[in-house]
Amino acid sequence: MNIEALTKLPVFKGIEANELESLLGKISSREVYFQKGEQVFSQGDIIHEIGIVLEGELNGVGVDLVSHANIVAHLSAPDIFGEAYANMREPMLISIEAQTPAHILFIDVDAMRKVNHAKLNENILMLIAMKNLQLSRKILMITPKSISERILAYLSTQAAIHHSDEFDIPFDRQQLADYLLVDRSALSHSLSVLKREGIIEYHKNHFKVLVRD
């Protein structure tokens, strides 16, 4: 485990390397590697660990009674996940799936409570607040009734995140449709219309926003 690299993660910000090395043992940390397509957590699981993405990309996916998948969240380094379920011991409403080979660090919430490390607790609270902001953005994206408005809301957010009007998104067409809660063919049609109207350009998952409000 590269302790110096871990000190640069937001979750361990402000914790010195020698202190972190000792802390990792106390909070029962463990590293796990996942292959593309593997499930890190499954819908219905009751978990006791928080996951920290060190490498790779994952999706949070919910499946309804008719097996329709809804991508709730996209995760990449240095995101954390599972913190609410691990603390509440509630069955997971979504699965966490590796979209690429992934390297995850897990920490046990019961061990973390016993240690009660002030800086670690502060960092995790800050990351939870950031995730709440991301959830608010998602709600704003899926609130518009028209698919074009949902697409533009999503792309506007991506442009802000990348500080550029040109960027790659982490989803293929089906995943983007699932994320925005729309039909894939309707999504493709709306993308074509937006491109024809000179509002956006795109090739596969690479987008460029040409018109901004």
Protein backbone atom coordinates (compact mmCIF):
# COMPACT_ATOMS: atom_id res chain seq x y z
CA MET A 1 0.00 0.00 0.00
CA ASN A 2 1.45 3.39 -1.03
CA ILE A 3 0.96 5.45 2.13
CA GLU A 4 2.33 8.66 0.60
CA ALA A 5 -0.18 8.38 -2.26
CA LEU A 6 -3.03 7.78 0.19
CA THR A 7 -2.22 10.98 2.12
CA LYS A 8 -3.10 12.91 -1.06
CA LEU A 9 -6.67 11.52 -1.14
CA PRO A 10 -9.39 13.87 0.15
CA VAL A 11 -10.54 11.29 2.69
CA PHE A 12 -7.08 11.31 4.34
CA LYS A 13 -6.29 15.00 3.79
CA GLY A 14 -4.26 16.53 6.62
CA ILE A 15 -3.14 13.17 8.06
CA GLU A 16 0.62 12.61 8.04
CA ALA A 17 2.02 9.43 6.47
CA ASN A 18 3.31 7.89 9.72
CA GLU A 19 0.01 8.57 11.47
CA LEU A 20 -1.99 7.24 8.52
CA GLU A 21 -0.03 4.00 8.42
CA SER A 22 -0.98 3.30 12.03
CA LEU A 23 -4.56 4.51 11.48
CA LEU A 24 -5.16 2.15 8.55
CA GLY A 25 -4.54 -0.83 10.81
CA LYS A 26 -6.86 0.49 13.49
CA ILE A 27 -9.76 1.01 11.04
CA SER A 28 -9.39 -2.51 9.57
CA SER A 29 -8.58 -1.25 6.07
CA ARG A 30 -8.15 -3.68 3.18
CA GLU A 31 -7.37 -3.36 -0.52
CA VAL A 32 -9.31 -5.29 -3.17
CA TYR A 33 -8.92 -5.40 -6.95
CA PHE A 34 -12.00 -5.92 -9.14
CA GLN A 35 -12.25 -6.89 -12.78
CA LYS A 36 -14.51 -5.07 -15.24
CA GLY A 37 -18.10 -6.21 -14.73
CA GLU A 38 -17.62 -7.46 -11.16
CA GLN A 39 -19.97 -6.29 -8.44
CA VAL A 40 -18.33 -4.57 -5.49
CA PHE A 41 -21.59 -4.46 -3.53
CA SER A 42 -24.89 -6.02 -4.62
CA GLN A 43 -28.41 -4.65 -4.31
CA GLY A 44 -29.84 -5.96 -1.03
CA ASP A 45 -26.46 -6.36 0.69
CA ILE A 46 -26.07 -5.16 4.28
CA ILE A 47 -22.55 -3.74 4.46
CA HIS A 48 -20.22 -2.51 7.19
CA GLU A 49 -17.47 -0.89 5.10
CA ILE A 50 -16.96 2.35 3.21
CA GLY A 51 -15.29 2.00 -0.18
CA ILE A 52 -12.69 4.44 -1.50
CA VAL A 53 -11.90 4.34 -5.21
CA LEU A 54 -8.13 4.33 -5.72
CA GLU A 55 -8.19 3.44 -9.41
CA GLY A 56 -10.83 2.66 -12.01
CA GLU A 57 -14.46 3.59 -12.61
CA LEU A 58 -17.67 2.20 -11.12
CA ASN A 59 -21.40 2.77 -11.50
CA GLY A 60 -24.10 2.71 -8.87
CA VAL A 61 -26.97 0.81 -10.54
CA GLY A 62 -30.52 0.20 -9.33
CA VAL A 63 -32.67 -2.50 -10.93
CA ASP A 64 -36.47 -2.38 -10.65
CA LEU A 65 -39.01 -5.21 -10.58
CA VAL A 66 -39.04 -5.51 -14.38
CA SER A 67 -35.22 -5.59 -14.54
CA HIS A 68 -34.83 -2.04 -15.85
CA ALA A 69 -31.45 -0.61 -14.84
CA ASN A 70 -31.06 2.96 -13.63
CA ILE A 71 -27.57 4.38 -13.23
CA VAL A 72 -27.76 6.43 -10.06
CA ALA A 73 -24.13 7.48 -9.81
CA HIS A 74 -20.76 7.26 -11.52
CA LEU A 75 -17.68 6.80 -9.32
CA SER A 76 -13.99 7.30 -9.98
CA ALA A 77 -10.90 8.09 -7.89
CA PRO A 78 -10.97 9.50 -5.25
CA ASP A 79 -14.73 9.02 -4.63
CA ILE A 80 -16.10 7.24 -1.56
CA PHE A 81 -19.22 5.07 -1.55
CA GLY A 82 -21.40 2.98 0.73
CA GLU A 83 -21.06 5.33 3.71
CA ALA A 84 -24.79 5.77 4.34
CA TYR A 85 -25.59 2.05 4.03
CA ALA A 86 -22.61 1.03 6.16
CA ASN A 87 -23.57 3.39 8.97
CA MET A 88 -27.31 2.65 8.91
CA ARG A 89 -27.03 -1.11 8.22
CA GLU A 90 -29.87 -0.77 5.71
CA PRO A 91 -30.02 -3.13 2.70
CA MET A 92 -28.43 -1.50 -0.32
CA LEU A 93 -30.95 -0.15 -2.84
CA ILE A 94 -28.34 -0.23 -5.61
CA SER A 95 -25.40 -2.35 -6.76
CA ILE A 96 -21.89 -0.97 -7.22
CA GLU A 97 -20.40 -2.39 -10.42
CA ALA A 98 -16.88 -2.03 -11.81
CA GLN A 99 -16.99 -0.44 -15.27
CA THR A 100 -13.23 -0.84 -15.65
CA PRO A 101 -10.67 -2.79 -13.64
CA ALA A 102 -10.82 -1.11 -10.23
CA HIS A 103 -8.71 -0.84 -7.10
CA ILE A 104 -10.72 -0.19 -3.93
CA LEU A 105 -9.69 0.52 -0.34
CA PHE A 106 -12.28 -0.49 2.25
CA ILE A 107 -12.49 0.83 5.82
CA ASP A 108 -14.70 -0.63 8.55
CA VAL A 109 -17.16 1.87 10.04
CA ASP A 110 -17.34 0.09 13.42
CA ALA A 111 -13.56 0.24 13.77
CA MET A 112 -13.64 3.86 12.63
CA ARG A 113 -16.15 4.75 15.36
CA LYS A 114 -13.92 3.18 18.01
CA VAL A 115 -10.89 5.13 16.83
CA ASN A 116 -12.93 8.36 16.48
CA HIS A 117 -10.19 10.17 14.56
CA ALA A 118 -11.25 13.83 14.33
CA LYS A 119 -9.58 14.65 11.00
CA LEU A 120 -10.79 11.48 9.28
CA ASN A 121 -14.34 12.14 10.52
CA GLU A 122 -14.15 15.73 9.28
CA ASN A 123 -12.93 14.63 5.84
CA ILE A 124 -15.68 12.03 5.47
CA LEU A 125 -18.34 14.55 6.46
CA MET A 126 -17.02 16.93 3.80
CA LEU A 127 -17.11 14.19 1.16
CA ILE A 128 -20.68 13.29 2.14
CA ALA A 129 -21.64 16.95 1.70
CA MET A 130 -20.07 16.94 -1.76
CA LYS A 131 -22.04 13.80 -2.68
CA ASN A 132 -25.24 15.52 -1.58
CA LEU A 133 -24.42 18.33 -4.01
CA GLN A 134 -23.90 15.77 -6.77
CA LEU A 135 -27.27 14.23 -5.95
CA SER A 136 -28.86 17.69 -6.16
CA ARG A 137 -27.31 18.11 -9.62
CA LYS A 138 -28.75 14.76 -10.67
CA ILE A 139 -32.21 15.82 -9.54
CA LEU A 140 -31.89 19.03 -11.57
CA MET A 141 -30.87 16.98 -14.63
CA ILE A 142 -33.88 14.68 -14.54
CA THR A 143 -36.45 17.31 -13.56
CA PRO A 144 -37.00 18.75 -17.09
CA LYS A 145 -39.74 16.96 -19.03
CA SER A 146 -38.05 17.10 -22.42
CA ILE A 147 -35.12 14.82 -23.20
CA SER A 148 -33.21 17.65 -24.89
CA GLU A 149 -33.40 19.72 -21.71
CA ARG A 150 -32.12 16.79 -19.65
CA ILE A 151 -29.22 16.29 -22.07
CA LEU A 152 -28.29 19.97 -21.97
CA ALA A 153 -28.53 20.05 -18.17
CA TYR A 154 -26.19 17.06 -17.99
CA LEU A 155 -23.73 18.48 -20.52
CA SER A 156 -23.73 21.86 -18.79
CA THR A 157 -22.77 20.16 -15.54
CA GLN A 158 -20.00 18.20 -17.28
CA ALA A 159 -18.67 21.40 -18.87
CA ALA A 160 -18.54 23.01 -15.41
CA ILE A 161 -16.79 19.97 -13.91
CA HIS A 162 -14.19 19.89 -16.71
CA HIS A 163 -13.85 23.70 -16.90
CA SER A 164 -14.19 23.37 -20.65
CA ASP A 165 -16.87 23.26 -23.35
CA GLU A 166 -15.17 20.12 -24.76
CA PHE A 167 -14.91 16.93 -22.73
CA ASP A 168 -15.45 13.16 -22.54
CA ILE A 169 -18.37 11.73 -20.57
CA PRO A 170 -18.07 8.44 -18.63
CA PHE A 171 -21.14 6.80 -20.21
CA ASP A 172 -22.00 5.03 -23.46
CA ARG A 173 -25.42 5.77 -24.99
CA GLN A 174 -27.34 3.14 -23.02
CA GLN A 175 -25.70 4.20 -19.76
CA LEU A 176 -26.45 7.86 -20.45
CA ALA A 177 -30.08 6.98 -21.20
CA ASP A 178 -30.28 5.03 -17.94
CA TYR A 179 -28.68 7.90 -16.02
CA LEU A 180 -31.13 10.46 -17.42
CA LEU A 181 -34.09 8.04 -17.08
CA VAL A 182 -34.99 8.16 -20.77
CA ASP A 183 -35.35 5.71 -23.65
CA ARG A 184 -32.13 5.07 -25.57
CA SER A 185 -33.61 5.60 -29.04
CA ALA A 186 -35.30 8.82 -27.89
CA LEU A 187 -31.98 9.97 -26.43
CA SER A 188 -30.16 9.28 -29.71
CA HIS A 189 -32.85 11.19 -31.63
CA SER A 190 -32.60 14.20 -29.32
CA LEU A 191 -28.79 14.20 -29.57
CA SER A 192 -29.07 14.21 -33.37
CA VAL A 193 -31.49 17.14 -33.25
CA LEU A 194 -29.22 19.13 -30.94
CA LYS A 195 -26.27 18.44 -33.23
CA ARG A 196 -28.25 19.41 -36.35
CA GLU A 197 -29.31 22.66 -34.68
CA GLY A 198 -25.68 23.54 -33.99
CA ILE A 199 -25.99 23.37 -30.20
CA ILE A 200 -23.58 20.48 -29.63
CA GLU A 201 -21.08 18.31 -31.46
CA TYR A 202 -20.18 14.77 -30.43
CA HIS A 203 -18.47 11.57 -31.44
CA LYS A 204 -19.13 8.56 -29.23
CA ASN A 205 -18.55 9.83 -25.68
CA HIS A 206 -16.67 13.01 -26.69
CA PHE A 207 -18.83 16.15 -26.61
CA LYS A 208 -18.44 19.82 -27.42
CA VAL A 209 -21.00 22.41 -26.34
CA LEU A 210 -21.30 25.08 -29.05
CA VAL A 211 -24.10 27.22 -27.60
CA ARG A 212 -24.26 28.26 -23.95
CA ASP A 213 -26.90 30.39 -22.24
